[in-house]
Amino acid sequence: MGDIILPGRRLHLKHGLYTIDGMLGFGLHSKVYSARDTDSNRSIALKIIDLEHQNVTVRASTISRRQSFQKELQYLLRLQRVNPYIVRIYDYDIQNSGVIAMEQGTPLRYFLPKYPTSPGAQLTPQSVHRFWCQLVDGVRFLHRARIVHSDLKPENLIVLPDGQIRIIDLGISFTLPRMVHSKRRVWAGTPDYSAPEMHKSMPGLPPKYGYKSDIWSLGVLLHEMTTGFRPLFALNSNYEKIQYLKHLNEDLPIDSAVSPCVFNVMRQCTRLQPKHRPTAEQLSLHHYVVHGY
């Protein structure tokens, strides 16, 4: 499954047969294809993760990747029963390659400008509010299940034709014990949306982060949906962004050319200290969610 699968090829999974239509995108270890269920003719997305390596020098990586895939699949299957914002899984396979057949939607990234100066309409305030309410509610359900997503970004959020948001890609998510709000963990993710505490640590120890890092990511998402750019867009490389966050010693500077209500919620979400950020439950009661813009 390491090679690109050409349109027309059929894949048998646990519960059905699927015909590949074309590639939707790819990551470091996975590819996502548009496909059709041959029985219902329903359009779906097939996420295929290459789990097997012949080279013994990467065996540890293969084991880790398989464990990560199985964990993500378990999260998705469990959460879709209790979280209306988790992508729906139709079928899967965990043999030589990890395959998940799921809902197909448009990445939230598609609705955002590619560059801060890109021409064309921004999201309307009504659309931003509708997406924001769903994002807050989706993260609220995640945290109720004691799961930290840890990589919330437009590429990991899809929009269905009816405007429903779905959260996808829980490959680096993790669970916290009851009454525990963060833990030490090696960071993995996307610097533009990662919280400062994900890059600050004591010598010899990994950083400590948890639920409130997802809240920071929500604040960055709201900033991007509202203004058309991310707060760290002016920094040229991921290294620069990580160093900036690592040495940040005050609240993140954000654009104030938005409504006071939107600015207030962005400011709360991007406070430097995690303890000063609201929980997802508290965000769901914010004036912006309840009464709008």
Protein backbone atom coordinates (compact mmCIF):
# COMPACT_ATOMS: atom_id res chain seq x y z
CA MET A 1 0.00 0.00 0.00
CA GLY A 2 3.04 2.28 -0.01
CA ASP A 3 2.54 3.14 -3.68
CA ILE A 4 -0.20 5.47 -4.92
CA ILE A 5 -3.40 3.56 -5.69
CA LEU A 6 -4.75 4.34 -9.12
CA PRO A 7 -8.42 5.18 -9.78
CA GLY A 8 -10.57 2.14 -10.47
CA ARG A 9 -8.82 -0.21 -8.09
CA ARG A 10 -11.04 -1.97 -5.57
CA LEU A 11 -10.26 -2.64 -1.92
CA HIS A 12 -11.94 -5.24 0.29
CA LEU A 13 -12.28 -4.17 3.92
CA LYS A 14 -14.01 -5.78 6.86
CA HIS A 15 -17.57 -5.02 5.78
CA GLY A 16 -17.50 -4.08 2.12
CA LEU A 17 -15.87 -3.39 -1.23
CA TYR A 18 -14.71 0.09 -2.25
CA THR A 19 -13.63 1.59 -5.58
CA ILE A 20 -10.90 4.24 -5.61
CA ASP A 21 -11.83 7.47 -7.43
CA GLY A 22 -8.66 9.48 -6.80
CA MET A 23 -6.33 10.93 -4.16
CA LEU A 24 -7.53 13.61 -1.76
CA GLY A 25 -4.27 14.22 0.09
CA PHE A 26 -1.34 12.64 1.89
CA GLY A 27 0.77 12.90 5.02
CA LEU A 28 4.10 11.53 6.19
CA HIS A 29 2.80 7.96 6.65
CA SER A 30 -0.68 8.01 5.16
CA LYS A 31 -2.66 8.75 2.03
CA VAL A 32 -6.33 9.72 1.75
CA TYR A 33 -8.40 8.74 -1.24
CA SER A 34 -11.86 9.52 -2.50
CA ALA A 35 -13.74 6.25 -3.02
CA ARG A 36 -17.20 4.78 -3.46
CA ASP A 37 -18.98 2.00 -1.63
CA THR A 38 -19.80 -0.46 -4.42
CA ASP A 39 -23.05 -1.50 -2.71
CA SER A 40 -24.55 1.89 -1.85
CA ASN A 41 -22.53 4.06 -4.29
CA ARG A 42 -21.90 6.40 -1.33
CA SER A 43 -18.84 8.62 -1.61
CA ILE A 44 -16.38 8.08 1.23
CA ALA A 45 -12.82 8.89 2.21
CA LEU A 46 -10.29 6.08 2.61
CA LYS A 47 -7.35 6.81 4.90
CA ILE A 48 -4.57 4.31 4.27
CA ILE A 49 -1.58 4.07 6.60
CA ASP A 50 1.41 1.99 5.52
CA LEU A 51 2.15 -0.18 8.56
CA GLU A 52 4.67 -2.68 7.23
CA HIS A 53 8.38 -2.25 6.49
CA GLN A 54 10.75 -4.91 5.20
CA ASN A 55 13.78 -3.08 6.60
CA VAL A 56 14.51 -4.32 10.13
CA THR A 57 16.13 -0.99 11.05
CA VAL A 58 12.70 0.66 11.05
CA ARG A 59 10.86 -2.14 12.83
CA ALA A 60 10.41 -0.04 15.98
CA SER A 61 8.87 2.72 13.90
CA THR A 62 6.53 0.17 12.30
CA ILE A 63 5.38 -1.10 15.70
CA SER A 64 4.84 2.45 16.95
CA ARG A 65 2.89 3.36 13.82
CA ARG A 66 0.65 0.29 14.15
CA GLN A 67 -0.03 1.11 17.80
CA SER A 68 -0.84 4.72 16.91
CA PHE A 69 -3.24 3.60 14.17
CA GLN A 70 -5.01 1.11 16.44
CA LYS A 71 -5.33 3.76 19.14
CA GLU A 72 -6.77 6.29 16.69
CA LEU A 73 -9.26 3.73 15.37
CA GLN A 74 -10.36 2.85 18.92
CA TYR A 75 -10.84 6.54 19.74
CA LEU A 76 -12.89 7.17 16.60
CA LEU A 77 -15.12 4.12 17.05
CA ARG A 78 -15.74 4.96 20.71
CA LEU A 79 -16.23 8.69 20.29
CA GLN A 80 -18.58 8.61 17.31
CA ARG A 81 -21.20 7.10 19.62
CA VAL A 82 -21.06 10.03 22.05
CA ASN A 83 -19.63 12.99 20.09
CA PRO A 84 -21.64 14.37 17.15
CA TYR A 85 -18.55 16.17 15.85
CA ILE A 86 -16.32 13.11 15.36
CA VAL A 87 -15.99 11.80 11.81
CA ARG A 88 -18.17 8.73 11.19
CA ILE A 89 -16.37 5.44 10.47
CA TYR A 90 -18.03 3.05 8.02
CA ASP A 91 -15.42 0.31 7.75
CA TYR A 92 -11.80 -0.50 8.53
CA ASP A 93 -8.97 -3.00 8.20
CA ILE A 94 -5.95 -3.55 10.46
CA GLN A 95 -4.01 -6.20 8.57
CA ASN A 96 -0.93 -5.40 6.43
CA SER A 97 -2.12 -1.83 5.97
CA GLY A 98 -4.28 0.26 8.24
CA VAL A 99 -7.36 1.44 6.37
CA ILE A 100 -10.29 3.52 7.63
CA ALA A 101 -13.36 4.16 5.48
CA MET A 102 -15.06 7.30 6.73
CA GLU A 103 -17.18 10.30 5.86
CA GLN A 104 -15.86 12.54 3.14
CA GLY A 105 -15.99 16.29 3.63
CA THR A 106 -14.21 19.47 2.63
CA PRO A 107 -11.23 20.41 4.84
CA LEU A 108 -11.82 23.62 6.78
CA ARG A 109 -8.57 24.83 5.21
CA TYR A 110 -10.44 25.17 1.89
CA PHE A 111 -12.62 27.93 3.39
CA LEU A 112 -9.64 30.00 4.58
CA PRO A 113 -7.36 32.30 2.55
CA LYS A 114 -4.12 30.69 1.43
CA TYR A 115 -2.19 33.87 2.21
CA PRO A 116 -3.04 36.85 4.46
CA THR A 117 -3.23 39.10 1.39
CA SER A 118 -5.16 36.63 -0.78
CA PRO A 119 -7.97 38.26 -2.76
CA GLY A 120 -11.51 37.02 -2.42
CA ALA A 121 -14.15 36.97 0.28
CA GLN A 122 -13.30 35.97 3.82
CA LEU A 123 -15.64 33.80 5.85
CA THR A 124 -18.71 35.80 6.80
CA PRO A 125 -19.22 36.58 10.51
CA GLN A 126 -22.22 34.25 10.41
CA SER A 127 -20.11 31.38 9.02
CA VAL A 128 -17.34 31.98 11.57
CA HIS A 129 -19.85 31.90 14.40
CA ARG A 130 -21.47 28.71 13.11
CA PHE A 131 -18.10 26.95 12.77
CA TRP A 132 -16.88 28.26 16.14
CA CYS A 133 -19.90 26.99 18.06
CA GLN A 134 -19.41 23.54 16.59
CA LEU A 135 -15.66 23.54 17.29
CA VAL A 136 -16.19 24.50 20.92
CA ASP A 137 -18.87 21.85 21.34
CA GLY A 138 -16.75 19.20 19.64
CA VAL A 139 -13.77 19.89 21.91
CA ARG A 140 -16.11 19.99 24.91
CA PHE A 141 -17.24 16.44 24.09
CA LEU A 142 -13.63 15.35 23.54
CA HIS A 143 -12.53 16.66 26.91
CA ARG A 144 -15.54 15.13 28.63
CA ALA A 145 -14.22 11.81 27.32
CA ARG A 146 -10.83 12.79 28.85
CA ILE A 147 -9.15 12.98 25.42
CA VAL A 148 -6.75 15.74 24.34
CA HIS A 149 -6.67 16.10 20.54
CA SER A 150 -3.31 17.96 20.57
CA ASP A 151 -3.32 18.81 16.84
CA LEU A 152 -6.42 20.89 16.11
CA LYS A 153 -5.93 22.70 12.80
CA PRO A 154 -7.93 23.31 9.60
CA GLU A 155 -6.50 20.19 7.94
CA ASN A 156 -7.88 18.04 10.76
CA LEU A 157 -11.39 19.45 10.51
CA ILE A 158 -13.79 18.72 7.66
CA VAL A 159 -17.07 20.36 6.72
CA LEU A 160 -19.92 18.18 5.43
CA PRO A 161 -22.25 19.47 2.67
CA ASP A 162 -24.82 20.52 5.30
CA GLY A 163 -22.23 22.65 7.15
CA GLN A 164 -21.60 20.12 9.94
CA ILE A 165 -18.05 20.12 11.30
CA ARG A 166 -16.30 16.81 11.88
CA ILE A 167 -13.04 16.33 13.80
CA ILE A 168 -10.62 13.90 12.15
CA ASP A 169 -7.10 12.54 12.71
CA LEU A 170 -6.67 11.54 16.34
CA GLY A 171 -3.31 9.93 15.64
CA ILE A 172 -1.43 11.92 18.31
CA SER A 173 -4.34 12.36 20.72
CA PHE A 174 -4.07 11.00 24.24
CA THR A 175 -6.17 10.24 27.29
CA LEU A 176 -5.78 11.83 30.71
CA PRO A 177 -6.74 10.13 33.99
CA ARG A 178 -9.65 11.57 35.95
CA MET A 179 -8.85 14.79 37.82
CA VAL A 180 -5.61 15.18 35.82
CA HIS A 181 -5.50 18.08 33.34
CA SER A 182 -2.08 17.69 31.76
CA LYS A 183 0.91 15.38 31.61
CA ARG A 184 4.47 15.26 30.33
CA ARG A 185 4.59 14.11 26.75
CA VAL A 186 6.90 14.50 23.76
CA TRP A 187 5.40 17.16 21.50
CA ALA A 188 4.21 16.38 17.99
CA GLY A 189 1.95 18.61 15.95
CA THR A 190 1.88 21.87 13.99
CA PRO A 191 3.72 24.91 15.40
CA ASP A 192 1.22 27.49 14.10
CA TYR A 193 -1.52 25.99 16.30
CA SER A 194 0.53 24.65 19.21
CA ALA A 195 0.48 26.24 22.66
CA PRO A 196 3.63 27.67 24.28
CA GLU A 197 3.68 25.04 27.04
CA MET A 198 4.10 22.36 24.37
CA HIS A 199 7.61 23.75 23.77
CA LYS A 200 8.69 24.70 27.30
CA SER A 201 10.22 22.06 29.56
CA MET A 202 12.72 21.41 32.29
CA PRO A 203 16.11 20.06 31.15
CA GLY A 204 15.84 16.34 30.50
CA LEU A 205 12.05 16.28 30.70
CA PRO A 206 9.39 16.46 27.97
CA PRO A 207 6.92 19.37 28.08
CA LYS A 208 3.74 19.17 30.14
CA TYR A 209 0.45 19.96 28.41
CA GLY A 210 -3.17 18.84 28.20
CA TYR A 211 -6.71 20.14 27.74
CA LYS A 212 -5.73 23.80 27.77
CA SER A 213 -3.40 23.29 24.79
CA ASP A 214 -6.51 22.43 22.74
CA ILE A 215 -8.08 25.69 23.94
CA TRP A 216 -5.07 27.64 22.61
CA SER A 217 -5.48 25.89 19.25
CA LEU A 218 -9.15 26.91 19.21
CA GLY A 219 -8.12 30.53 19.77
CA VAL A 220 -5.71 30.39 16.83
CA LEU A 221 -8.41 28.83 14.66
CA LEU A 222 -10.84 31.61 15.58
CA HIS A 223 -8.17 34.21 14.80
CA GLU A 224 -7.57 32.67 11.37
CA MET A 225 -11.27 32.31 10.56
CA THR A 226 -11.94 35.91 11.59
CA THR A 227 -8.90 37.77 10.26
CA GLY A 228 -7.73 35.48 7.45
CA PHE A 229 -4.29 34.81 8.96
CA ARG A 230 -2.62 32.98 11.84
CA PRO A 231 -0.90 34.97 14.62
CA LEU A 232 2.52 33.49 13.71
CA PHE A 233 2.18 33.91 9.94
CA ALA A 234 5.06 36.43 9.75
CA LEU A 235 7.58 33.88 11.05
CA ASN A 236 9.20 32.07 8.13
CA SER A 237 9.92 28.57 9.42
CA ASN A 238 8.64 26.04 11.92
CA TYR A 239 11.92 26.43 13.82
CA GLU A 240 11.33 30.16 14.23
CA LYS A 241 7.77 29.56 15.39
CA ILE A 242 8.84 26.96 17.95
CA GLN A 243 11.58 29.23 19.28
CA TYR A 244 9.13 32.13 19.50
CA LEU A 245 6.65 30.06 21.50
CA LYS A 246 9.39 28.55 23.64
CA HIS A 247 10.55 32.01 24.74
CA LEU A 248 7.16 33.74 24.84
CA ASN A 249 6.77 35.41 28.24
CA GLU A 250 3.53 37.34 27.79
CA ASP A 251 0.13 36.78 26.22
CA LEU A 252 0.19 36.23 22.47
CA PRO A 253 -0.23 39.45 20.44
CA ILE A 254 -3.43 39.11 18.40
CA ASP A 255 -5.28 41.26 15.88
CA SER A 256 -7.72 43.64 17.55
CA ALA A 257 -9.49 44.64 14.31
CA VAL A 258 -12.41 42.36 15.10
CA SER A 259 -15.58 42.74 17.13
CA PRO A 260 -15.00 43.22 20.88
CA CYS A 261 -16.79 39.95 21.62
CA VAL A 262 -14.58 37.95 19.23
CA PHE A 263 -11.45 39.69 20.51
CA ASN A 264 -12.41 38.81 24.09
CA VAL A 265 -12.76 35.10 23.37
CA MET A 266 -9.53 35.01 21.29
CA ARG A 267 -7.68 36.78 24.08
CA GLN A 268 -8.96 34.32 26.69
CA CYS A 269 -7.99 31.29 24.59
CA THR A 270 -4.45 32.53 23.89
CA ARG A 271 -3.40 33.52 27.39
CA LEU A 272 0.19 32.50 28.06
CA GLN A 273 -0.56 30.57 31.23
CA PRO A 274 -2.81 27.52 30.66
CA LYS A 275 -4.56 28.06 34.02
CA HIS A 276 -5.80 31.45 32.79
CA ARG A 277 -7.49 29.97 29.71
CA PRO A 278 -11.12 28.86 29.93
CA THR A 279 -12.21 25.25 29.71
CA ALA A 280 -14.26 24.09 26.75
CA GLU A 281 -17.29 24.00 29.07
CA GLN A 282 -16.70 27.64 29.98
CA LEU A 283 -16.22 28.59 26.32
CA SER A 284 -19.61 27.05 25.52
CA LEU A 285 -21.19 29.60 27.87
CA HIS A 286 -19.29 32.61 26.50
CA HIS A 287 -21.36 35.50 25.19
CA TYR A 288 -20.01 34.94 21.68
CA VAL A 289 -21.33 31.37 21.60
CA VAL A 290 -24.65 32.10 23.29
CA HIS A 291 -25.54 35.42 21.66
CA GLY A 292 -23.29 35.64 18.60
CA TYR A 293 -21.17 38.42 17.24
